[in-house]
PDB file of N, CA and C in Angstrom:
ATOM      1  N   UNK A   1      17.859  25.992  17.677  1.00  0.00           N
ATOM      2  CA  UNK A   1      17.839  24.872  16.739  1.00  0.00           C
ATOM      3  C   UNK A   1      17.172  23.672  17.391  1.00  0.00           C
ATOM      4  N   UNK A   2      16.160  23.158  16.733  1.00  0.00           N
ATOM      5  CA  UNK A   2      15.452  22.002  17.248  1.00  0.00           C
ATOM      6  C   UNK A   2      16.093  20.708  16.796  1.00  0.00           C
ATOM      7  N   UNK A   3      15.825  19.675  17.510  1.00  0.00           N
ATOM      8  CA  UNK A   3      16.332  18.347  17.188  1.00  0.00           C
ATOM      9  C   UNK A   3      15.318  17.638  16.286  1.00  0.00           C
ATOM     10  N   UNK A   4      15.761  17.115  15.159  1.00  0.00           N
ATOM     11  CA  UNK A   4      14.847  16.386  14.285  1.00  0.00           C
ATOM     12  C   UNK A   4      14.726  14.948  14.756  1.00  0.00           C
ATOM     13  N   UNK A   5      13.495  14.465  14.833  1.00  0.00           N
ATOM     14  CA  UNK A   5      13.310  13.072  15.239  1.00  0.00           C
ATOM     15  C   UNK A   5      13.490  12.166  14.026  1.00  0.00           C
ATOM     16  N   UNK A   6      13.949  10.971  14.269  1.00  0.00           N
ATOM     17  CA  UNK A   6      14.155   9.974  13.229  1.00  0.00           C
ATOM     18  C   UNK A   6      12.815   9.346  12.875  1.00  0.00           C
ATOM     19  N   UNK A   7      12.415   9.421  11.622  1.00  0.00           N
ATOM     20  CA  UNK A   7      11.177   8.802  11.171  1.00  0.00           C
ATOM     21  C   UNK A   7      11.441   7.316  10.951  1.00  0.00           C
ATOM     22  N   UNK A   8      10.521   6.469  11.375  1.00  0.00           N
ATOM     23  CA  UNK A   8      10.708   5.034  11.147  1.00  0.00           C
ATOM     24  C   UNK A   8       9.745   4.568  10.058  1.00  0.00           C
ATOM     25  N   UNK A   9      10.028   3.417   9.502  1.00  0.00           N
ATOM     26  CA  UNK A   9       9.203   2.876   8.423  1.00  0.00           C
ATOM     27  C   UNK A   9       7.783   2.607   8.899  1.00  0.00           C
ATOM     28  N   UNK A  10       6.854   2.820   7.985  1.00  0.00           N
ATOM     29  CA  UNK A  10       5.441   2.564   8.248  1.00  0.00           C
ATOM     30  C   UNK A  10       5.195   1.058   8.134  1.00  0.00           C
ATOM     31  N   UNK A  11       4.494   0.485   9.077  1.00  0.00           N
ATOM     32  CA  UNK A  11       4.138  -0.936   9.009  1.00  0.00           C
ATOM     33  C   UNK A  11       3.332  -1.204   7.738  1.00  0.00           C
ATOM     34  N   UNK A  12       3.638  -2.312   7.080  1.00  0.00           N
ATOM     35  CA  UNK A  12       2.880  -2.731   5.898  1.00  0.00           C
ATOM     36  C   UNK A  12       3.089  -1.865   4.673  1.00  0.00           C
ATOM     37  N   UNK A  13       4.215  -1.184   4.555  1.00  0.00           N
ATOM     38  CA  UNK A  13       4.435  -0.275   3.417  1.00  0.00           C
ATOM     39  C   UNK A  13       5.255  -0.959   2.314  1.00  0.00           C
ATOM     40  N   UNK A  14       6.556  -1.037   2.481  1.00  0.00           N
ATOM     41  CA  UNK A  14       7.418  -1.671   1.482  1.00  0.00           C
ATOM     42  C   UNK A  14       7.590  -0.879   0.200  1.00  0.00           C
ATOM     43  N   UNK A  15       7.138   0.383   0.158  1.00  0.00           N
ATOM     44  CA  UNK A  15       7.232   1.184  -1.068  1.00  0.00           C
ATOM     45  C   UNK A  15       8.664   1.289  -1.578  1.00  0.00           C
ATOM     46  N   UNK A  16       9.623   1.437  -0.663  1.00  0.00           N
ATOM     47  CA  UNK A  16      11.019   1.583  -1.080  1.00  0.00           C
ATOM     48  C   UNK A  16      11.593   0.270  -1.600  1.00  0.00           C
ATOM     49  N   UNK A  17      10.892  -0.840  -1.407  1.00  0.00           N
ATOM     50  CA  UNK A  17      11.321  -2.146  -1.914  1.00  0.00           C
ATOM     51  C   UNK A  17      10.582  -2.524  -3.203  1.00  0.00           C
ATOM     52  N   UNK A  18       9.744  -1.612  -3.685  1.00  0.00           N
ATOM     53  CA  UNK A  18       8.961  -1.864  -4.897  1.00  0.00           C
ATOM     54  C   UNK A  18       9.239  -0.806  -5.965  1.00  0.00           C
ATOM     55  N   UNK A  19       9.062   0.467  -5.636  1.00  0.00           N
ATOM     56  CA  UNK A  19       9.096   1.540  -6.630  1.00  0.00           C
ATOM     57  C   UNK A  19      10.445   1.749  -7.318  1.00  0.00           C
ATOM     58  N   UNK A  20      11.548   1.871  -6.581  1.00  0.00           N
ATOM     59  CA  UNK A  20      12.807   2.196  -7.269  1.00  0.00           C
ATOM     60  C   UNK A  20      13.464   0.996  -7.946  1.00  0.00           C
ATOM     61  N   UNK A  21      14.263   1.312  -8.959  1.00  0.00           N
ATOM     62  CA  UNK A  21      15.107   0.282  -9.561  1.00  0.00           C
ATOM     63  C   UNK A  21      16.375   0.174  -8.718  1.00  0.00           C
ATOM     64  N   UNK A  22      17.006  -0.983  -8.765  1.00  0.00           N
ATOM     65  CA  UNK A  22      18.276  -1.205  -8.079  1.00  0.00           C
ATOM     66  C   UNK A  22      19.226  -1.785  -9.119  1.00  0.00           C
ATOM     67  N   UNK A  23      20.303  -1.079  -9.407  1.00  0.00           N
ATOM     68  CA  UNK A  23      21.223  -1.497 -10.463  1.00  0.00           C
ATOM     69  C   UNK A  23      22.168  -2.611 -10.019  1.00  0.00           C
ATOM     70  N   UNK A  24      22.448  -2.703  -8.735  1.00  0.00           N
ATOM     71  CA  UNK A  24      23.397  -3.698  -8.252  1.00  0.00           C
ATOM     72  C   UNK A  24      22.711  -5.036  -7.986  1.00  0.00           C
ATOM     73  N   UNK A  25      23.476  -6.127  -8.047  1.00  0.00           N
ATOM     74  CA  UNK A  25      22.887  -7.433  -7.743  1.00  0.00           C
ATOM     75  C   UNK A  25      22.474  -7.520  -6.275  1.00  0.00           C
ATOM     76  N   UNK A  26      21.462  -8.315  -6.019  1.00  0.00           N
ATOM     77  CA  UNK A  26      21.043  -8.588  -4.651  1.00  0.00           C
ATOM     78  C   UNK A  26      20.569 -10.020  -4.581  1.00  0.00           C
ATOM     79  N   UNK A  27      20.509 -10.609  -3.407  1.00  0.00           N
ATOM     80  CA  UNK A  27      20.099 -12.008  -3.309  1.00  0.00           C
ATOM     81  C   UNK A  27      18.750 -12.256  -3.988  1.00  0.00           C
ATOM     82  N   UNK A  28      18.746 -13.213  -4.894  1.00  0.00           N
ATOM     83  CA  UNK A  28      17.526 -13.557  -5.619  1.00  0.00           C
ATOM     84  C   UNK A  28      17.296 -12.728  -6.864  1.00  0.00           C
ATOM     85  N   UNK A  29      18.109 -11.693  -7.073  1.00  0.00           N
ATOM     86  CA  UNK A  29      17.983 -10.818  -8.242  1.00  0.00           C
ATOM     87  C   UNK A  29      19.397 -10.436  -8.694  1.00  0.00           C
ATOM     88  N   UNK A  30      20.112 -11.369  -9.328  1.00  0.00           N
ATOM     89  CA  UNK A  30      21.513 -11.135  -9.678  1.00  0.00           C
ATOM     90  C   UNK A  30      21.731 -10.004 -10.689  1.00  0.00           C
ATOM     91  N   UNK A  31      20.692  -9.637 -11.434  1.00  0.00           N
ATOM     92  CA  UNK A  31      20.806  -8.549 -12.412  1.00  0.00           C
ATOM     93  C   UNK A  31      20.232  -7.239 -11.892  1.00  0.00           C
ATOM     94  N   UNK A  32      19.948  -7.163 -10.614  1.00  0.00           N
ATOM     95  CA  UNK A  32      19.331  -5.974 -10.053  1.00  0.00           C
ATOM     96  C   UNK A  32      17.817  -6.089 -10.083  1.00  0.00           C
ATOM     97  N   UNK A  33      17.139  -4.987  -9.784  1.00  0.00           N
ATOM     98  CA  UNK A  33      15.680  -4.978  -9.696  1.00  0.00           C
ATOM     99  C   UNK A  33      15.113  -3.842 -10.532  1.00  0.00           C
ATOM    100  N   UNK A  34      14.184  -4.149 -11.443  1.00  0.00           N
ATOM    101  CA  UNK A  34      13.537  -3.080 -12.207  1.00  0.00           C
ATOM    102  C   UNK A  34      12.584  -2.262 -11.332  1.00  0.00           C
ATOM    103  N   UNK A  35      12.368  -1.028 -11.714  1.00  0.00           N
ATOM    104  CA  UNK A  35      11.417  -0.164 -11.013  1.00  0.00           C
ATOM    105  C   UNK A  35      10.020  -0.767 -11.076  1.00  0.00           C
ATOM    106  N   UNK A  36       9.304  -0.670  -9.974  1.00  0.00           N
ATOM    107  CA  UNK A  36       7.923  -1.144  -9.924  1.00  0.00           C
ATOM    108  C   UNK A  36       7.760  -2.623  -9.651  1.00  0.00           C
ATOM    109  N   UNK A  37       8.853  -3.341  -9.541  1.00  0.00           N
ATOM    110  CA  UNK A  37       8.834  -4.786  -9.287  1.00  0.00           C
ATOM    111  C   UNK A  37       9.212  -5.011  -7.827  1.00  0.00           C
ATOM    112  N   UNK A  38       8.412  -5.775  -7.078  1.00  0.00           N
ATOM    113  CA  UNK A  38       8.790  -6.052  -5.691  1.00  0.00           C
ATOM    114  C   UNK A  38      10.127  -6.784  -5.612  1.00  0.00           C
ATOM    115  N   UNK A  39      10.949  -6.388  -4.681  1.00  0.00           N
ATOM    116  CA  UNK A  39      12.240  -7.031  -4.459  1.00  0.00           C
ATOM    117  C   UNK A  39      12.025  -8.479  -4.013  1.00  0.00           C
ATOM    118  N   UNK A  40      12.926  -9.352  -4.428  1.00  0.00           N
ATOM    119  CA  UNK A  40      12.861 -10.761  -4.022  1.00  0.00           C
ATOM    120  C   UNK A  40      13.002 -10.913  -2.514  1.00  0.00           C
ATOM    121  N   UNK A  41      13.568  -9.906  -1.846  1.00  0.00           N
ATOM    122  CA  UNK A  41      13.784  -9.972  -0.401  1.00  0.00           C
ATOM    123  C   UNK A  41      12.663  -9.314   0.408  1.00  0.00           C
ATOM    124  N   UNK A  42      11.605  -8.869  -0.275  1.00  0.00           N
ATOM    125  CA  UNK A  42      10.472  -8.260   0.414  1.00  0.00           C
ATOM    126  C   UNK A  42       9.591  -9.368   0.989  1.00  0.00           C
ATOM    127  N   UNK A  43       9.457  -9.363   2.295  1.00  0.00           N
ATOM    128  CA  UNK A  43       8.685 -10.391   2.986  1.00  0.00           C
ATOM    129  C   UNK A  43       7.184 -10.099   2.908  1.00  0.00           C
ATOM    130  N   UNK A  44       6.369 -11.059   3.260  1.00  0.00           N
ATOM    131  CA  UNK A  44       4.907 -10.909   3.208  1.00  0.00           C
ATOM    132  C   UNK A  44       4.399  -9.760   4.076  1.00  0.00           C
ATOM    133  N   UNK A  45       5.147  -9.419   5.142  1.00  0.00           N
ATOM    134  CA  UNK A  45       4.739  -8.304   6.004  1.00  0.00           C
ATOM    135  C   UNK A  45       5.357  -6.976   5.552  1.00  0.00           C
ATOM    136  N   UNK A  46       5.909  -6.952   4.316  1.00  0.00           N
ATOM    137  CA  UNK A  46       6.524  -5.771   3.704  1.00  0.00           C
ATOM    138  C   UNK A  46       7.783  -5.294   4.426  1.00  0.00           C
ATOM    139  N   UNK A  47       8.474  -6.213   5.065  1.00  0.00           N
ATOM    140  CA  UNK A  47       9.778  -5.938   5.671  1.00  0.00           C
ATOM    141  C   UNK A  47      10.848  -6.561   4.788  1.00  0.00           C
ATOM    142  N   UNK A  48      12.085  -6.099   4.947  1.00  0.00           N
ATOM    143  CA  UNK A  48      13.212  -6.577   4.146  1.00  0.00           C
ATOM    144  C   UNK A  48      13.891  -7.760   4.830  1.00  0.00           C
ATOM    145  N   UNK A  49      14.066  -8.853   4.085  1.00  0.00           N
ATOM    146  CA  UNK A  49      14.701 -10.053   4.638  1.00  0.00           C
ATOM    147  C   UNK A  49      16.201  -9.868   4.841  1.00  0.00           C
ATOM    148  N   UNK A  50      16.825  -8.896   4.153  1.00  0.00           N
ATOM    149  CA  UNK A  50      18.266  -8.702   4.296  1.00  0.00           C
ATOM    150  C   UNK A  50      18.602  -7.375   4.994  1.00  0.00           C
ATOM    151  N   UNK A  51      17.620  -6.786   5.662  1.00  0.00           N
ATOM    152  CA  UNK A  51      17.863  -5.537   6.385  1.00  0.00           C
ATOM    153  C   UNK A  51      18.986  -5.733   7.402  1.00  0.00           C
ATOM    154  N   UNK A  52      19.976  -4.837   7.365  1.00  0.00           N
ATOM    155  CA  UNK A  52      21.088  -4.908   8.309  1.00  0.00           C
ATOM    156  C   UNK A  52      22.126  -5.968   8.001  1.00  0.00           C
ATOM    157  N   UNK A  53      21.970  -6.684   6.900  1.00  0.00           N
ATOM    158  CA  UNK A  53      22.923  -7.740   6.547  1.00  0.00           C
ATOM    159  C   UNK A  53      23.875  -7.233   5.461  1.00  0.00           C
ATOM    160  N   UNK A  54      25.068  -7.808   5.376  1.00  0.00           N
ATOM    161  CA  UNK A  54      26.065  -7.316   4.413  1.00  0.00           C
ATOM    162  C   UNK A  54      25.632  -7.444   2.952  1.00  0.00           C
ATOM    163  N   UNK A  55      24.757  -8.385   2.637  1.00  0.00           N
ATOM    164  CA  UNK A  55      24.341  -8.558   1.238  1.00  0.00           C
ATOM    165  C   UNK A  55      23.279  -7.553   0.796  1.00  0.00           C
ATOM    166  N   UNK A  56      22.805  -6.742   1.723  1.00  0.00           N
ATOM    167  CA  UNK A  56      21.835  -5.697   1.377  1.00  0.00           C
ATOM    168  C   UNK A  56      22.547  -4.645   0.521  1.00  0.00           C
ATOM    169  N   UNK A  57      21.975  -4.281  -0.633  1.00  0.00           N
ATOM    170  CA  UNK A  57      22.625  -3.300  -1.505  1.00  0.00           C
ATOM    171  C   UNK A  57      22.825  -1.948  -0.806  1.00  0.00           C
ATOM    172  N   UNK A  58      23.916  -1.277  -1.153  1.00  0.00           N
ATOM    173  CA  UNK A  58      24.205   0.042  -0.582  1.00  0.00           C
ATOM    174  C   UNK A  58      23.077   1.022  -0.886  1.00  0.00           C
ATOM    175  N   UNK A  59      22.467   0.899  -2.058  1.00  0.00           N
ATOM    176  CA  UNK A  59      21.347   1.779  -2.416  1.00  0.00           C
ATOM    177  C   UNK A  59      20.253   1.701  -1.354  1.00  0.00           C
ATOM    178  N   UNK A  60      19.918   0.510  -0.943  1.00  0.00           N
ATOM    179  CA  UNK A  60      18.855   0.316   0.047  1.00  0.00           C
ATOM    180  C   UNK A  60      19.238   0.925   1.395  1.00  0.00           C
ATOM    181  N   UNK A  61      20.486   0.716   1.778  1.00  0.00           N
ATOM    182  CA  UNK A  61      20.955   1.266   3.040  1.00  0.00           C
ATOM    183  C   UNK A  61      20.950   2.784   3.053  1.00  0.00           C
ATOM    184  N   UNK A  62      21.044   3.388   1.875  1.00  0.00           N
ATOM    185  CA  UNK A  62      21.039   4.843   1.763  1.00  0.00           C
ATOM    186  C   UNK A  62      19.657   5.463   1.839  1.00  0.00           C
ATOM    187  N   UNK A  63      18.629   4.672   1.603  1.00  0.00           N
ATOM    188  CA  UNK A  63      17.262   5.205   1.694  1.00  0.00           C
ATOM    189  C   UNK A  63      16.876   5.347   3.154  1.00  0.00           C
ATOM    190  N   UNK A  64      16.433   6.509   3.523  1.00  0.00           N
ATOM    191  CA  UNK A  64      16.001   6.762   4.899  1.00  0.00           C
ATOM    192  C   UNK A  64      14.581   7.303   4.853  1.00  0.00           C
ATOM    193  N   UNK A  65      13.703   6.802   5.691  1.00  0.00           N
ATOM    194  CA  UNK A  65      12.334   7.320   5.710  1.00  0.00           C
ATOM    195  C   UNK A  65      12.337   8.823   6.009  1.00  0.00           C
ATOM    196  N   UNK A  66      11.511   9.548   5.283  1.00  0.00           N
ATOM    197  CA  UNK A  66      11.361  10.977   5.530  1.00  0.00           C
ATOM    198  C   UNK A  66       9.901  11.348   5.301  1.00  0.00           C
ATOM    199  N   UNK A  67       9.481  12.435   5.897  1.00  0.00           N
ATOM    200  CA  UNK A  67       8.097  12.886   5.728  1.00  0.00           C
ATOM    201  C   UNK A  67       7.809  13.153   4.257  1.00  0.00           C
ATOM    202  N   UNK A  68       8.778  13.722   3.538  1.00  0.00           N
ATOM    203  CA  UNK A  68       8.578  14.024   2.122  1.00  0.00           C
ATOM    204  C   UNK A  68       8.418  12.741   1.300  1.00  0.00           C
ATOM    205  N   UNK A  69       9.295  11.778   1.513  1.00  0.00           N
ATOM    206  CA  UNK A  69       9.268  10.535   0.734  1.00  0.00           C
ATOM    207  C   UNK A  69       8.079   9.652   1.111  1.00  0.00           C
ATOM    208  N   UNK A  70       7.812   9.516   2.382  1.00  0.00           N
ATOM    209  CA  UNK A  70       6.800   8.564   2.838  1.00  0.00           C
ATOM    210  C   UNK A  70       5.384   9.125   2.830  1.00  0.00           C
ATOM    211  N   UNK A  71       5.256  10.446   2.934  1.00  0.00           N
ATOM    212  CA  UNK A  71       3.926  11.047   2.938  1.00  0.00           C
ATOM    213  C   UNK A  71       3.071  10.506   4.070  1.00  0.00           C
ATOM    214  N   UNK A  72       1.772  10.499   3.841  1.00  0.00           N
ATOM    215  CA  UNK A  72       0.861  10.041   4.894  1.00  0.00           C
ATOM    216  C   UNK A  72       0.252   8.674   4.612  1.00  0.00           C
ATOM    217  N   UNK A  73       0.755   7.997   3.542  1.00  0.00           N
ATOM    218  CA  UNK A  73       0.221   6.668   3.221  1.00  0.00           C
ATOM    219  C   UNK A  73       1.202   5.901   2.336  1.00  0.00           C
ATOM    220  N   UNK A  74       0.977   4.618   2.229  1.00  0.00           N
ATOM    221  CA  UNK A  74       1.790   3.765   1.355  1.00  0.00           C
ATOM    222  C   UNK A  74       1.655   4.220  -0.099  1.00  0.00           C
ATOM    223  N   UNK A  75       0.432   4.572  -0.503  1.00  0.00           N
ATOM    224  CA  UNK A  75       0.186   5.022  -1.871  1.00  0.00           C
ATOM    225  C   UNK A  75       0.979   6.274  -2.223  1.00  0.00           C
ATOM    226  N   UNK A  76       1.026   7.219  -1.289  1.00  0.00           N
ATOM    227  CA  UNK A  76       1.798   8.444  -1.508  1.00  0.00           C
ATOM    228  C   UNK A  76       3.279   8.100  -1.654  1.00  0.00           C
ATOM    229  N   UNK A  77       3.782   7.226  -0.818  1.00  0.00           N
ATOM    230  CA  UNK A  77       5.189   6.825  -0.880  1.00  0.00           C
ATOM    231  C   UNK A  77       5.503   6.160  -2.218  1.00  0.00           C
ATOM    232  N   UNK A  78       4.637   5.270  -2.675  1.00  0.00           N
ATOM    233  CA  UNK A  78       4.845   4.610  -3.972  1.00  0.00           C
ATOM    234  C   UNK A  78       4.874   5.638  -5.101  1.00  0.00           C
ATOM    235  N   UNK A  79       3.952   6.603  -5.083  1.00  0.00           N
ATOM    236  CA  UNK A  79       3.910   7.635  -6.124  1.00  0.00           C
ATOM    237  C   UNK A  79       5.154   8.516  -6.082  1.00  0.00           C
ATOM    238  N   UNK A  80       5.572   8.933  -4.900  1.00  0.00           N
ATOM    239  CA  UNK A  80       6.726   9.816  -4.763  1.00  0.00           C
ATOM    240  C   UNK A  80       7.982   9.121  -5.279  1.00  0.00           C
ATOM    241  N   UNK A  81       8.171   7.865  -4.872  1.00  0.00           N
ATOM    242  CA  UNK A  81       9.359   7.124  -5.301  1.00  0.00           C
ATOM    243  C   UNK A  81       9.327   6.819  -6.796  1.00  0.00           C
ATOM    244  N   UNK A  82       8.153   6.526  -7.342  1.00  0.00           N
ATOM    245  CA  UNK A  82       8.033   6.275  -8.782  1.00  0.00           C
ATOM    246  C   UNK A  82       8.382   7.547  -9.567  1.00  0.00           C
ATOM    247  N   UNK A  83       7.929   8.685  -9.091  1.00  0.00           N
ATOM    248  CA  UNK A  83       8.254   9.963  -9.751  1.00  0.00           C
ATOM    249  C   UNK A  83       9.761  10.228  -9.658  1.00  0.00           C
ATOM    250  N   UNK A  84      10.357   9.986  -8.512  1.00  0.00           N
ATOM    251  CA  UNK A  84      11.796  10.173  -8.357  1.00  0.00           C
ATOM    252  C   UNK A  84      12.554   9.263  -9.328  1.00  0.00           C
ATOM    253  N   UNK A  85      12.074   8.049  -9.499  1.00  0.00           N
ATOM    254  CA  UNK A  85      12.690   7.102 -10.432  1.00  0.00           C
ATOM    255  C   UNK A  85      12.701   7.684 -11.849  1.00  0.00           C
ATOM    256  N   UNK A  86      11.586   8.241 -12.264  1.00  0.00           N
ATOM    257  CA  UNK A  86      11.486   8.834 -13.603  1.00  0.00           C
ATOM    258  C   UNK A  86      12.413  10.049 -13.721  1.00  0.00           C
ATOM    259  N   UNK A  87      12.407  10.904 -12.710  1.00  0.00           N
ATOM    260  CA  UNK A  87      13.200  12.128 -12.757  1.00  0.00           C
ATOM    261  C   UNK A  87      14.700  11.875 -12.733  1.00  0.00           C
ATOM    262  N   UNK A  88      15.133  10.744 -12.180  1.00  0.00           N
ATOM    263  CA  UNK A  88      16.566  10.456 -12.074  1.00  0.00           C
ATOM    264  C   UNK A  88      17.046   9.404 -13.070  1.00  0.00           C
ATOM    265  N   UNK A  89      16.180   8.939 -13.948  1.00  0.00           N
ATOM    266  CA  UNK A  89      16.570   7.939 -14.947  1.00  0.00           C
ATOM    267  C   UNK A  89      17.567   8.554 -15.924  1.00  0.00           C
ATOM    268  N   UNK A  90      18.537   7.763 -16.375  1.00  0.00           N
ATOM    269  CA  UNK A  90      19.485   8.286 -17.368  1.00  0.00           C
ATOM    270  C   UNK A  90      18.729   8.717 -18.620  1.00  0.00           C
ATOM    271  N   UNK A  91      19.223   9.775 -19.235  1.00  0.00           N
ATOM    272  CA  UNK A  91      18.588  10.266 -20.450  1.00  0.00           C
ATOM    273  C   UNK A  91      18.799   9.258 -21.574  1.00  0.00           C
ATOM    274  N   UNK A  92      17.745   9.037 -22.336  1.00  0.00           N
ATOM    275  CA  UNK A  92      17.843   8.116 -23.469  1.00  0.00           C
ATOM    276  C   UNK A  92      18.310   8.877 -24.691  1.00  0.00           C
ATOM    277  N   UNK A  93      19.229   8.269 -25.411  1.00  0.00           N
ATOM    278  CA  UNK A  93      19.734   8.881 -26.639  1.00  0.00           C
ATOM    279  C   UNK A  93      18.921   8.445 -27.837  1.00  0.00           C
ATOM    280  N   UNK A  94      19.187   9.034 -29.028  1.00  0.00           N
ATOM    281  CA  UNK A  94      18.440   8.691 -30.247  1.00  0.00           C
ATOM    282  C   UNK A  94      18.502   7.209 -30.589  1.00  0.00           C
ATOM    283  N   UNK A  95      19.645   6.546 -30.367  1.00  0.00           N
ATOM    284  CA  UNK A  95      19.734   5.127 -30.708  1.00  0.00           C
ATOM    285  C   UNK A  95      18.859   4.292 -29.789  1.00  0.00           C
ATOM    286  N   UNK A  96      18.689   4.718 -28.516  1.00  0.00           N
ATOM    287  CA  UNK A  96      17.804   3.996 -27.586  1.00  0.00           C
ATOM    288  C   UNK A  96      16.357   4.117 -28.034  1.00  0.00           C
ATOM    289  N   UNK A  97      15.981   5.285 -28.523  1.00  0.00           N
ATOM    290  CA  UNK A  97      14.597   5.518 -28.940  1.00  0.00           C
ATOM    291  C   UNK A  97      14.278   4.706 -30.183  1.00  0.00           C
ATOM    292  N   UNK A  98      15.251   4.605 -31.105  1.00  0.00           N
ATOM    293  CA  UNK A  98      15.025   3.840 -32.331  1.00  0.00           C
ATOM    294  C   UNK A  98      14.868   2.350 -32.074  1.00  0.00           C
ATOM    295  N   UNK A  99      15.544   1.833 -31.038  1.00  0.00           N
ATOM    296  CA  UNK A  99      15.487   0.400 -30.791  1.00  0.00           C
ATOM    297  C   UNK A  99      14.418   0.020 -29.773  1.00  0.00           C
ATOM    298  N   UNK A 100      13.817   0.977 -29.084  1.00  0.00           N
ATOM    299  CA  UNK A 100      12.775   0.682 -28.087  1.00  0.00           C
ATOM    300  C   UNK A 100      11.443   0.438 -28.798  1.00  0.00           C
ATOM    301  N   UNK A 101      10.785  -0.636 -28.452  1.00  0.00           N
ATOM    302  CA  UNK A 101       9.470  -0.936 -29.058  1.00  0.00           C
ATOM    303  C   UNK A 101       8.480  -1.231 -27.976  1.00  0.00           C
TER     304      UNK A 101
END
């Protein structure tokens, strides 16, 4: 059995702070964060301003860089996470479809 190395975040990426939605409140976004919208805590260098701090949402702390998620570029990571967002979205019922415009 081989030892798996820990993958670290790619410099200048921030895909995990843009692509997914976050349902819980976070600093600067009391109603959560919609998918595809940069987090209010995403710094200009694509690092998280609340990384390692108690106000960081549990969802964010649960995301871990992986070869599958991050791919070989920022673009691949954004696409993978956006697809995951679509695949895990709650199913819309008939009343949601009638009221969506």
